[in-house]
N, C-alpha and C. Protein backbone atom coordinates (compact mmCIF):
# COMPACT_ATOMS: atom_id res chain seq x y z
N MET A 1 -29.34 23.73 3.60
CA MET A 1 -28.11 24.35 4.10
C MET A 1 -27.56 23.56 5.29
N HIS A 2 -28.44 23.26 6.23
CA HIS A 2 -27.99 22.54 7.42
C HIS A 2 -27.46 21.15 7.05
N CYS A 3 -28.19 20.48 6.16
CA CYS A 3 -27.78 19.14 5.74
C CYS A 3 -26.41 19.19 5.07
N PHE A 4 -26.21 20.19 4.23
CA PHE A 4 -24.93 20.35 3.53
C PHE A 4 -23.80 20.50 4.54
N TRP A 5 -24.04 21.29 5.59
CA TRP A 5 -23.01 21.52 6.60
C TRP A 5 -22.68 20.21 7.31
N LEU A 6 -23.71 19.42 7.60
CA LEU A 6 -23.48 18.13 8.25
C LEU A 6 -22.60 17.25 7.38
N GLN A 7 -22.92 17.18 6.10
CA GLN A 7 -22.13 16.36 5.19
C GLN A 7 -20.67 16.82 5.19
N ARG A 8 -20.47 18.11 5.12
CA ARG A 8 -19.11 18.63 5.08
C ARG A 8 -18.35 18.28 6.35
N SER A 9 -19.01 18.40 7.49
CA SER A 9 -18.31 18.12 8.75
C SER A 9 -17.92 16.64 8.83
N THR A 10 -18.81 15.75 8.37
CA THR A 10 -18.45 14.33 8.43
C THR A 10 -17.31 14.04 7.46
N LEU A 11 -17.34 14.68 6.29
CA LEU A 11 -16.26 14.48 5.32
C LEU A 11 -14.94 14.92 5.93
N ARG A 12 -14.94 16.09 6.53
CA ARG A 12 -13.71 16.61 7.12
C ARG A 12 -13.23 15.67 8.22
N HIS A 13 -14.18 15.07 8.92
CA HIS A 13 -13.83 14.18 10.02
C HIS A 13 -13.21 12.87 9.50
N GLU A 14 -13.73 12.37 8.39
CA GLU A 14 -13.27 11.08 7.89
C GLU A 14 -11.99 11.17 7.06
N THR A 15 -11.71 12.35 6.52
CA THR A 15 -10.60 12.47 5.58
C THR A 15 -9.27 11.97 6.15
N PRO A 16 -8.85 12.40 7.34
CA PRO A 16 -7.55 11.92 7.84
C PRO A 16 -7.50 10.41 7.93
N TYR A 17 -8.61 9.80 8.37
CA TYR A 17 -8.63 8.34 8.49
C TYR A 17 -8.49 7.68 7.12
N LEU A 18 -9.20 8.24 6.12
CA LEU A 18 -9.10 7.68 4.77
C LEU A 18 -7.68 7.82 4.24
N HIS A 19 -7.07 8.98 4.46
CA HIS A 19 -5.69 9.18 4.03
C HIS A 19 -4.79 8.15 4.70
N PHE A 20 -5.01 7.95 6.00
CA PHE A 20 -4.20 7.00 6.75
C PHE A 20 -4.35 5.60 6.17
N LYS A 21 -5.60 5.23 5.87
CA LYS A 21 -5.84 3.89 5.30
C LYS A 21 -5.15 3.74 3.95
N GLN A 22 -5.27 4.78 3.10
CA GLN A 22 -4.66 4.72 1.78
C GLN A 22 -3.15 4.61 1.89
N ASN A 23 -2.56 5.39 2.81
CA ASN A 23 -1.12 5.33 3.00
C ASN A 23 -0.70 3.95 3.47
N LEU A 24 -1.49 3.37 4.38
CA LEU A 24 -1.19 2.04 4.89
C LEU A 24 -1.22 1.02 3.75
N LEU A 25 -2.26 1.11 2.91
CA LEU A 25 -2.37 0.20 1.78
C LEU A 25 -1.18 0.37 0.85
N LYS A 26 -0.80 1.62 0.59
CA LYS A 26 0.33 1.89 -0.30
C LYS A 26 1.60 1.28 0.28
N MET A 27 1.81 1.49 1.59
CA MET A 27 3.01 0.96 2.24
C MET A 27 3.03 -0.56 2.15
N ASN A 28 1.89 -1.19 2.44
CA ASN A 28 1.82 -2.65 2.36
C ASN A 28 2.12 -3.12 0.96
N HIS A 29 1.58 -2.40 -0.04
CA HIS A 29 1.79 -2.79 -1.43
C HIS A 29 3.27 -2.70 -1.79
N GLN A 30 3.91 -1.60 -1.38
CA GLN A 30 5.34 -1.43 -1.68
C GLN A 30 6.16 -2.52 -1.00
N ARG A 31 5.84 -2.80 0.26
CA ARG A 31 6.61 -3.81 0.99
C ARG A 31 6.44 -5.17 0.31
N GLN A 32 5.20 -5.47 -0.11
CA GLN A 32 4.94 -6.74 -0.78
C GLN A 32 5.74 -6.83 -2.07
N ARG A 33 5.79 -5.71 -2.81
CA ARG A 33 6.53 -5.71 -4.06
C ARG A 33 8.02 -5.94 -3.80
N GLN A 34 8.55 -5.29 -2.75
CA GLN A 34 9.95 -5.48 -2.40
C GLN A 34 10.22 -6.95 -2.07
N LEU A 35 9.32 -7.54 -1.29
CA LEU A 35 9.48 -8.95 -0.93
C LEU A 35 9.44 -9.82 -2.17
N ASP A 36 8.49 -9.51 -3.07
CA ASP A 36 8.39 -10.28 -4.31
C ASP A 36 9.68 -10.18 -5.11
N GLU A 37 10.19 -8.94 -5.25
CA GLU A 37 11.42 -8.74 -6.02
C GLU A 37 12.57 -9.49 -5.39
N ARG A 38 12.65 -9.45 -4.06
CA ARG A 38 13.73 -10.15 -3.37
C ARG A 38 13.62 -11.65 -3.62
N GLY A 39 12.38 -12.15 -3.55
CA GLY A 39 12.17 -13.57 -3.79
C GLY A 39 12.55 -13.96 -5.21
N ILE A 40 12.19 -13.11 -6.17
CA ILE A 40 12.52 -13.39 -7.58
C ILE A 40 14.04 -13.37 -7.76
N ASN A 41 14.70 -12.38 -7.15
CA ASN A 41 16.16 -12.31 -7.26
C ASN A 41 16.80 -13.56 -6.67
N LYS A 42 16.25 -14.04 -5.55
CA LYS A 42 16.78 -15.26 -4.93
C LYS A 42 16.64 -16.44 -5.88
N GLN A 43 15.45 -16.55 -6.48
CA GLN A 43 15.21 -17.65 -7.42
C GLN A 43 16.18 -17.59 -8.59
N ILE A 44 16.40 -16.38 -9.11
CA ILE A 44 17.32 -16.23 -10.24
C ILE A 44 18.72 -16.67 -9.82
N LYS A 45 19.14 -16.24 -8.63
CA LYS A 45 20.46 -16.63 -8.13
C LYS A 45 20.58 -18.14 -8.08
N VAL A 46 19.56 -18.78 -7.51
CA VAL A 46 19.58 -20.24 -7.37
C VAL A 46 19.67 -20.90 -8.74
N LEU A 47 18.87 -20.40 -9.69
CA LEU A 47 18.88 -20.96 -11.04
C LEU A 47 20.26 -20.79 -11.68
N LEU A 48 20.86 -19.62 -11.51
CA LEU A 48 22.18 -19.38 -12.09
C LEU A 48 23.21 -20.33 -11.47
N GLU A 49 23.11 -20.52 -10.16
CA GLU A 49 24.07 -21.40 -9.50
C GLU A 49 23.89 -22.84 -9.98
N GLN A 50 22.64 -23.23 -10.24
CA GLN A 50 22.39 -24.60 -10.70
C GLN A 50 22.96 -24.82 -12.10
N THR A 51 22.85 -23.78 -12.97
CA THR A 51 23.30 -23.96 -14.35
C THR A 51 24.83 -23.91 -14.43
N ASN A 52 25.47 -23.23 -13.48
CA ASN A 52 26.94 -23.13 -13.54
C ASN A 52 27.61 -24.43 -13.13
């Protein structure tokens, strides 16, 4: 019983940090994808300008 309570308290303690880390990773991933898309769009523009 005591051991179980200890585990629960540590879990409760770590959860916000884990959520924070996951959110940070998600944000970084989204930003990276946006940058990638922007870069691809730039490349497409350049290619179109070259062919015209």
